[in-house]
Structures are given as C-alpha cells and as structure tokens.
Amino acid sequence: MNQAKIIKLLKKNNFNFIHINNTSSTMDYSKNYLKNNFKNIVVITDEQTKGRGQHGNTWISSYGNIYLSIVIKNKIPIQDHFIFSMISLVSIQKTLIDLGVNNIIFK
C-alpha cells in the first residue's frame, strides 16, 4: 500500500497524518500537537534524536527505520491501554511480515 492510500484511509477514519524528517521523539511531537489539536494522529519520522524506551531507557533511533506514534481519542480505561497496544502491535507485525519485512522490533 502506498503512502497516498494510507493517508486517504487515515483521513477517512478521522486521523491526521504527519511525516517529519526528524524530531526529538514522536511522542513529544504528539503531545505538543495535541495541545492545540485534539484529534487522532499518526506521527512518523525518519529519525529521533531523544527517543525513549520503557521506564525512561534510551531508545537509539538512527536514520533508516520507522519511528511513529499513534494517538487515538478513546474512552478505554487507563488500565486497559496496555492490552490495546499489544493488539495493535501484533496486527502491525503480522502485516509487515506478510509484506516481507523481517527483524521487526517494537519498543
């Protein structure tokens, strides 16, 4: 699926798509974006300069991989967010494997 089709699908489902060359972190970018625009978004970047992993660990985010954050307005209780994230990651991983992508790592 090409980028134009992805953007069209996202817009159809009330998402903004933002692609930037580099940022400190896609999550930081998303948080700042949401201060003025409370809307579903997908933020993708080619490079993060201050990516973070779980528990504040450094996340190496060099050029050449995919770094993104997906922000969805929802009414899911906070205690269920982890389950939602895992379902999303498994779906993304399966799709990428079906497209022939190998060595997929999620943080």
N, C-alpha and C. Protein backbone atom coordinates (compact mmCIF):
# COMPACT_ATOMS: atom_id res chain seq x y z
N MET A 1 0.86 -1.17 0.00
CA MET A 1 0.00 0.00 0.00
C MET A 1 0.91 1.23 0.00
N ASN A 2 0.63 2.16 -0.89
CA ASN A 2 1.47 3.35 -0.96
C ASN A 2 1.01 4.41 0.03
N GLN A 3 1.86 5.43 0.21
CA GLN A 3 1.58 6.46 1.21
C GLN A 3 0.28 7.20 0.95
N ALA A 4 -0.04 7.48 -0.31
CA ALA A 4 -1.28 8.19 -0.62
C ALA A 4 -2.50 7.40 -0.17
N LYS A 5 -2.48 6.08 -0.36
CA LYS A 5 -3.60 5.24 0.07
C LYS A 5 -3.70 5.20 1.59
N ILE A 6 -2.54 5.16 2.25
CA ILE A 6 -2.54 5.15 3.72
C ILE A 6 -3.13 6.46 4.25
N ILE A 7 -2.70 7.58 3.69
CA ILE A 7 -3.21 8.88 4.12
C ILE A 7 -4.72 8.97 3.89
N LYS A 8 -5.18 8.50 2.75
CA LYS A 8 -6.62 8.52 2.44
C LYS A 8 -7.39 7.67 3.46
N LEU A 9 -6.87 6.49 3.79
CA LEU A 9 -7.51 5.62 4.78
C LEU A 9 -7.53 6.28 6.16
N LEU A 10 -6.44 6.90 6.53
CA LEU A 10 -6.38 7.58 7.83
C LEU A 10 -7.38 8.74 7.89
N LYS A 11 -7.42 9.56 6.86
CA LYS A 11 -8.37 10.69 6.83
C LYS A 11 -9.81 10.20 6.91
N LYS A 12 -10.09 9.11 6.19
CA LYS A 12 -11.44 8.53 6.21
C LYS A 12 -11.84 8.13 7.63
N ASN A 13 -10.85 7.77 8.45
CA ASN A 13 -11.11 7.35 9.82
C ASN A 13 -10.76 8.43 10.85
N ASN A 14 -10.79 9.69 10.39
CA ASN A 14 -10.63 10.85 11.26
C ASN A 14 -9.24 10.95 11.91
N PHE A 15 -8.19 10.61 11.15
CA PHE A 15 -6.81 10.75 11.61
C PHE A 15 -6.10 11.80 10.77
N ASN A 16 -5.24 12.57 11.40
CA ASN A 16 -4.29 13.39 10.68
C ASN A 16 -3.01 12.58 10.54
N PHE A 17 -2.34 12.68 9.40
CA PHE A 17 -1.07 12.02 9.16
C PHE A 17 0.01 13.08 9.09
N ILE A 18 1.05 12.93 9.90
CA ILE A 18 2.14 13.89 9.93
C ILE A 18 3.45 13.14 9.71
N HIS A 19 4.20 13.53 8.69
CA HIS A 19 5.53 12.98 8.45
C HIS A 19 6.54 14.10 8.57
N ILE A 20 7.51 13.90 9.45
CA ILE A 20 8.56 14.88 9.64
C ILE A 20 9.92 14.19 9.48
N ASN A 21 10.92 14.95 9.04
CA ASN A 21 12.24 14.36 8.81
C ASN A 21 12.90 13.89 10.10
N ASN A 22 12.87 14.74 11.13
CA ASN A 22 13.42 14.32 12.42
C ASN A 22 12.76 15.12 13.54
N THR A 23 12.82 14.54 14.72
CA THR A 23 12.23 15.16 15.90
C THR A 23 12.93 14.59 17.12
N SER A 24 12.75 15.23 18.26
CA SER A 24 13.32 14.67 19.49
C SER A 24 12.69 13.32 19.75
N SER A 25 11.37 13.24 19.68
CA SER A 25 10.66 11.96 19.79
C SER A 25 9.25 12.15 19.22
N THR A 26 8.72 11.12 18.62
CA THR A 26 7.38 11.22 18.05
C THR A 26 6.34 11.43 19.14
N MET A 27 6.59 10.88 20.33
CA MET A 27 5.63 11.07 21.41
C MET A 27 5.65 12.52 21.90
N ASP A 28 6.85 13.11 22.02
CA ASP A 28 6.92 14.53 22.39
C ASP A 28 6.21 15.39 21.35
N TYR A 29 6.44 15.10 20.08
CA TYR A 29 5.78 15.84 19.00
C TYR A 29 4.27 15.70 19.13
N SER A 30 3.80 14.47 19.38
CA SER A 30 2.36 14.22 19.51
C SER A 30 1.76 15.01 20.67
N LYS A 31 2.45 15.01 21.80
CA LYS A 31 1.95 15.73 22.98
C LYS A 31 1.82 17.22 22.68
N ASN A 32 2.82 17.80 22.03
CA ASN A 32 2.76 19.22 21.68
C ASN A 32 1.65 19.49 20.67
N TYR A 33 1.49 18.61 19.71
CA TYR A 33 0.45 18.75 18.70
C TYR A 33 -0.94 18.75 19.35
N LEU A 34 -1.13 17.85 20.30
CA LEU A 34 -2.44 17.70 20.94
C LEU A 34 -2.83 18.89 21.81
N LYS A 35 -1.85 19.71 22.19
CA LYS A 35 -2.18 20.90 22.97
C LYS A 35 -3.10 21.83 22.19
N ASN A 36 -2.95 21.85 20.86
CA ASN A 36 -3.75 22.73 20.01
C ASN A 36 -4.74 22.00 19.12
N ASN A 37 -4.59 20.70 18.98
CA ASN A 37 -5.43 19.92 18.06
C ASN A 37 -5.80 18.61 18.71
N PHE A 38 -6.95 18.54 19.32
CA PHE A 38 -7.35 17.29 19.95
C PHE A 38 -8.00 16.39 18.91
N LYS A 39 -7.16 15.65 18.19
CA LYS A 39 -7.62 14.80 17.10
C LYS A 39 -6.73 13.57 17.00
N ASN A 40 -7.26 12.49 16.46
CA ASN A 40 -6.47 11.30 16.22
C ASN A 40 -5.33 11.64 15.26
N ILE A 41 -4.13 11.17 15.55
CA ILE A 41 -3.00 11.44 14.66
C ILE A 41 -2.06 10.24 14.57
N VAL A 42 -1.35 10.19 13.46
CA VAL A 42 -0.22 9.29 13.28
C VAL A 42 0.96 10.19 12.94
N VAL A 43 2.00 10.12 13.76
CA VAL A 43 3.21 10.91 13.55
C VAL A 43 4.33 9.94 13.21
N ILE A 44 4.96 10.16 12.06
CA ILE A 44 6.06 9.30 11.64
C ILE A 44 7.27 10.18 11.34
N THR A 45 8.44 9.68 11.70
CA THR A 45 9.67 10.43 11.46
C THR A 45 10.75 9.48 10.95
N ASP A 46 11.73 10.05 10.28
CA ASP A 46 12.86 9.27 9.78
C ASP A 46 13.94 9.08 10.85
N GLU A 47 13.93 9.97 11.85
CA GLU A 47 14.97 9.92 12.87
C GLU A 47 14.48 10.61 14.14
N GLN A 48 14.78 10.03 15.29
CA GLN A 48 14.50 10.66 16.59
C GLN A 48 15.84 10.96 17.25
N THR A 49 15.96 12.14 17.83
CA THR A 49 17.22 12.49 18.49
C THR A 49 17.22 12.19 19.98
N LYS A 50 16.02 12.02 20.56
CA LYS A 50 15.93 11.72 22.00
C LYS A 50 14.81 10.71 22.25
N GLY A 51 14.83 9.62 21.47
CA GLY A 51 13.83 8.58 21.65
C GLY A 51 13.93 7.96 23.04
N ARG A 52 12.80 7.52 23.57
CA ARG A 52 12.77 6.91 24.90
C ARG A 52 12.09 5.55 24.82
N GLY A 53 12.64 4.61 25.55
CA GLY A 53 12.02 3.30 25.69
C GLY A 53 11.23 3.25 26.98
N GLN A 54 10.89 2.06 27.38
CA GLN A 54 10.15 1.88 28.63
C GLN A 54 11.00 2.31 29.82
N HIS A 55 10.35 2.84 30.82
CA HIS A 55 10.97 3.25 32.07
C HIS A 55 12.08 4.30 31.86
N GLY A 56 11.95 5.11 30.81
CA GLY A 56 12.90 6.18 30.55
C GLY A 56 14.21 5.73 29.93
N ASN A 57 14.31 4.47 29.50
CA ASN A 57 15.54 3.99 28.87
C ASN A 57 15.76 4.69 27.53
N THR A 58 17.02 4.88 27.16
CA THR A 58 17.36 5.50 25.88
C THR A 58 16.97 4.55 24.76
N TRP A 59 16.39 5.11 23.70
CA TRP A 59 15.99 4.34 22.53
C TRP A 59 16.77 4.90 21.34
N ILE A 60 17.69 4.09 20.82
CA ILE A 60 18.50 4.53 19.68
C ILE A 60 17.60 4.60 18.45
N SER A 61 17.57 5.74 17.81
CA SER A 61 16.62 5.98 16.72
C SER A 61 17.33 6.59 15.52
N SER A 62 18.27 5.86 14.97
CA SER A 62 19.03 6.39 13.85
C SER A 62 18.22 6.36 12.55
N TYR A 63 18.71 7.12 11.59
CA TYR A 63 18.05 7.22 10.30
C TYR A 63 17.97 5.85 9.63
N GLY A 64 16.84 5.57 8.98
CA GLY A 64 16.70 4.35 8.20
C GLY A 64 15.67 3.38 8.71
N ASN A 65 15.03 3.66 9.81
CA ASN A 65 13.97 2.81 10.34
C ASN A 65 12.67 3.61 10.39
N ILE A 66 11.63 3.00 10.89
CA ILE A 66 10.34 3.67 11.03
C ILE A 66 10.11 3.96 12.50
N TYR A 67 9.86 5.22 12.81
CA TYR A 67 9.55 5.64 14.17
C TYR A 67 8.21 6.36 14.12
N LEU A 68 7.26 5.89 14.91
CA LEU A 68 5.96 6.54 14.86
C LEU A 68 5.23 6.45 16.17
N SER A 69 4.31 7.35 16.34
CA SER A 69 3.37 7.33 17.46
C SER A 69 1.98 7.46 16.87
N ILE A 70 1.07 6.71 17.46
CA ILE A 70 -0.34 6.75 17.06
C ILE A 70 -1.12 7.22 18.28
N VAL A 71 -1.86 8.31 18.11
CA VAL A 71 -2.66 8.85 19.21
C VAL A 71 -4.13 8.74 18.81
N ILE A 72 -4.89 8.04 19.64
CA ILE A 72 -6.31 7.80 19.35
C ILE A 72 -7.14 8.35 20.51
N LYS A 73 -8.06 9.25 20.17
CA LYS A 73 -9.02 9.69 21.19
C LYS A 73 -9.90 8.49 21.50
N ASN A 74 -9.98 8.13 22.75
CA ASN A 74 -10.78 6.96 23.09
C ASN A 74 -11.32 7.07 24.50
N LYS A 75 -12.15 6.14 24.82
CA LYS A 75 -12.72 6.08 26.16
C LYS A 75 -12.33 4.78 26.84
N ILE A 76 -11.18 4.23 26.44
CA ILE A 76 -10.68 3.00 27.03
C ILE A 76 -10.10 3.32 28.41
N PRO A 77 -10.50 2.59 29.44
CA PRO A 77 -9.94 2.85 30.77
C PRO A 77 -8.42 2.69 30.74
N ILE A 78 -7.72 3.52 31.51
CA ILE A 78 -6.26 3.53 31.51
C ILE A 78 -5.67 2.15 31.78
N GLN A 79 -6.31 1.36 32.63
CA GLN A 79 -5.77 0.04 32.95
C GLN A 79 -5.84 -0.93 31.76
N ASP A 80 -6.60 -0.59 30.72
CA ASP A 80 -6.71 -1.44 29.54
C ASP A 80 -5.86 -0.96 28.36
N HIS A 81 -5.14 0.13 28.52
CA HIS A 81 -4.33 0.66 27.42
C HIS A 81 -3.26 -0.32 26.96
N PHE A 82 -2.63 -1.03 27.88
CA PHE A 82 -1.57 -1.97 27.53
C PHE A 82 -2.11 -3.06 26.59
N ILE A 83 -3.29 -3.59 26.89
CA ILE A 83 -3.88 -4.64 26.05
C ILE A 83 -4.15 -4.10 24.64
N PHE A 84 -4.68 -2.89 24.56
CA PHE A 84 -4.94 -2.26 23.26
C PHE A 84 -3.64 -2.10 22.47
N SER A 85 -2.58 -1.68 23.16
CA SER A 85 -1.28 -1.52 22.49
C SER A 85 -0.75 -2.85 21.97
N MET A 86 -0.88 -3.90 22.75
CA MET A 86 -0.39 -5.21 22.32
C MET A 86 -1.16 -5.73 21.11
N ILE A 87 -2.46 -5.56 21.10
CA ILE A 87 -3.27 -5.98 19.95
C ILE A 87 -2.84 -5.20 18.70
N SER A 88 -2.62 -3.91 18.87
CA SER A 88 -2.19 -3.08 17.74
C SER A 88 -0.83 -3.53 17.22
N LEU A 89 0.12 -3.77 18.12
CA LEU A 89 1.46 -4.19 17.70
C LEU A 89 1.45 -5.54 16.98
N VAL A 90 0.69 -6.48 17.49
CA VAL A 90 0.62 -7.79 16.83
C VAL A 90 0.03 -7.64 15.43
N SER A 91 -0.97 -6.80 15.28
CA SER A 91 -1.58 -6.56 13.97
C SER A 91 -0.58 -5.93 13.00
N ILE A 92 0.16 -4.94 13.48
CA ILE A 92 1.15 -4.28 12.64
C ILE A 92 2.26 -5.27 12.27
N GLN A 93 2.72 -6.04 13.24
CA GLN A 93 3.79 -7.01 12.96
C GLN A 93 3.35 -8.03 11.92
N LYS A 94 2.15 -8.57 12.06
CA LYS A 94 1.65 -9.55 11.10
C LYS A 94 1.58 -8.95 9.70
N THR A 95 1.10 -7.74 9.60
CA THR A 95 1.02 -7.07 8.29
C THR A 95 2.40 -6.89 7.68
N LEU A 96 3.37 -6.43 8.48
CA LEU A 96 4.72 -6.23 7.96
C LEU A 96 5.36 -7.55 7.53
N ILE A 97 5.15 -8.60 8.29
CA ILE A 97 5.68 -9.92 7.92
C ILE A 97 5.06 -10.38 6.61
N ASP A 98 3.74 -10.18 6.47
CA ASP A 98 3.05 -10.55 5.22
C ASP A 98 3.59 -9.76 4.03
N LEU A 99 4.12 -8.55 4.29
CA LEU A 99 4.70 -7.73 3.23
C LEU A 99 6.18 -8.05 2.99
N GLY A 100 6.73 -9.01 3.76
CA GLY A 100 8.10 -9.44 3.56
C GLY A 100 9.12 -8.72 4.41
N VAL A 101 8.68 -7.97 5.41
CA VAL A 101 9.61 -7.27 6.29
C VAL A 101 10.06 -8.21 7.39
N ASN A 102 11.36 -8.25 7.67
CA ASN A 102 11.90 -9.11 8.70
C ASN A 102 12.55 -8.30 9.81
N ASN A 103 12.91 -8.97 10.89
CA ASN A 103 13.62 -8.34 12.02
C ASN A 103 12.87 -7.12 12.56
N ILE A 104 11.62 -7.30 12.88
CA ILE A 104 10.78 -6.22 13.40
C ILE A 104 10.94 -6.14 14.91
N ILE A 105 11.25 -4.95 15.41
CA ILE A 105 11.42 -4.73 16.83
C ILE A 105 10.54 -3.56 17.25
N PHE A 106 9.76 -3.75 18.30
CA PHE A 106 8.91 -2.69 18.83
C PHE A 106 9.43 -2.31 20.21
N LYS A 107 9.25 -1.04 20.58
CA LYS A 107 9.58 -0.65 21.96
C LYS A 107 8.31 -0.55 22.74
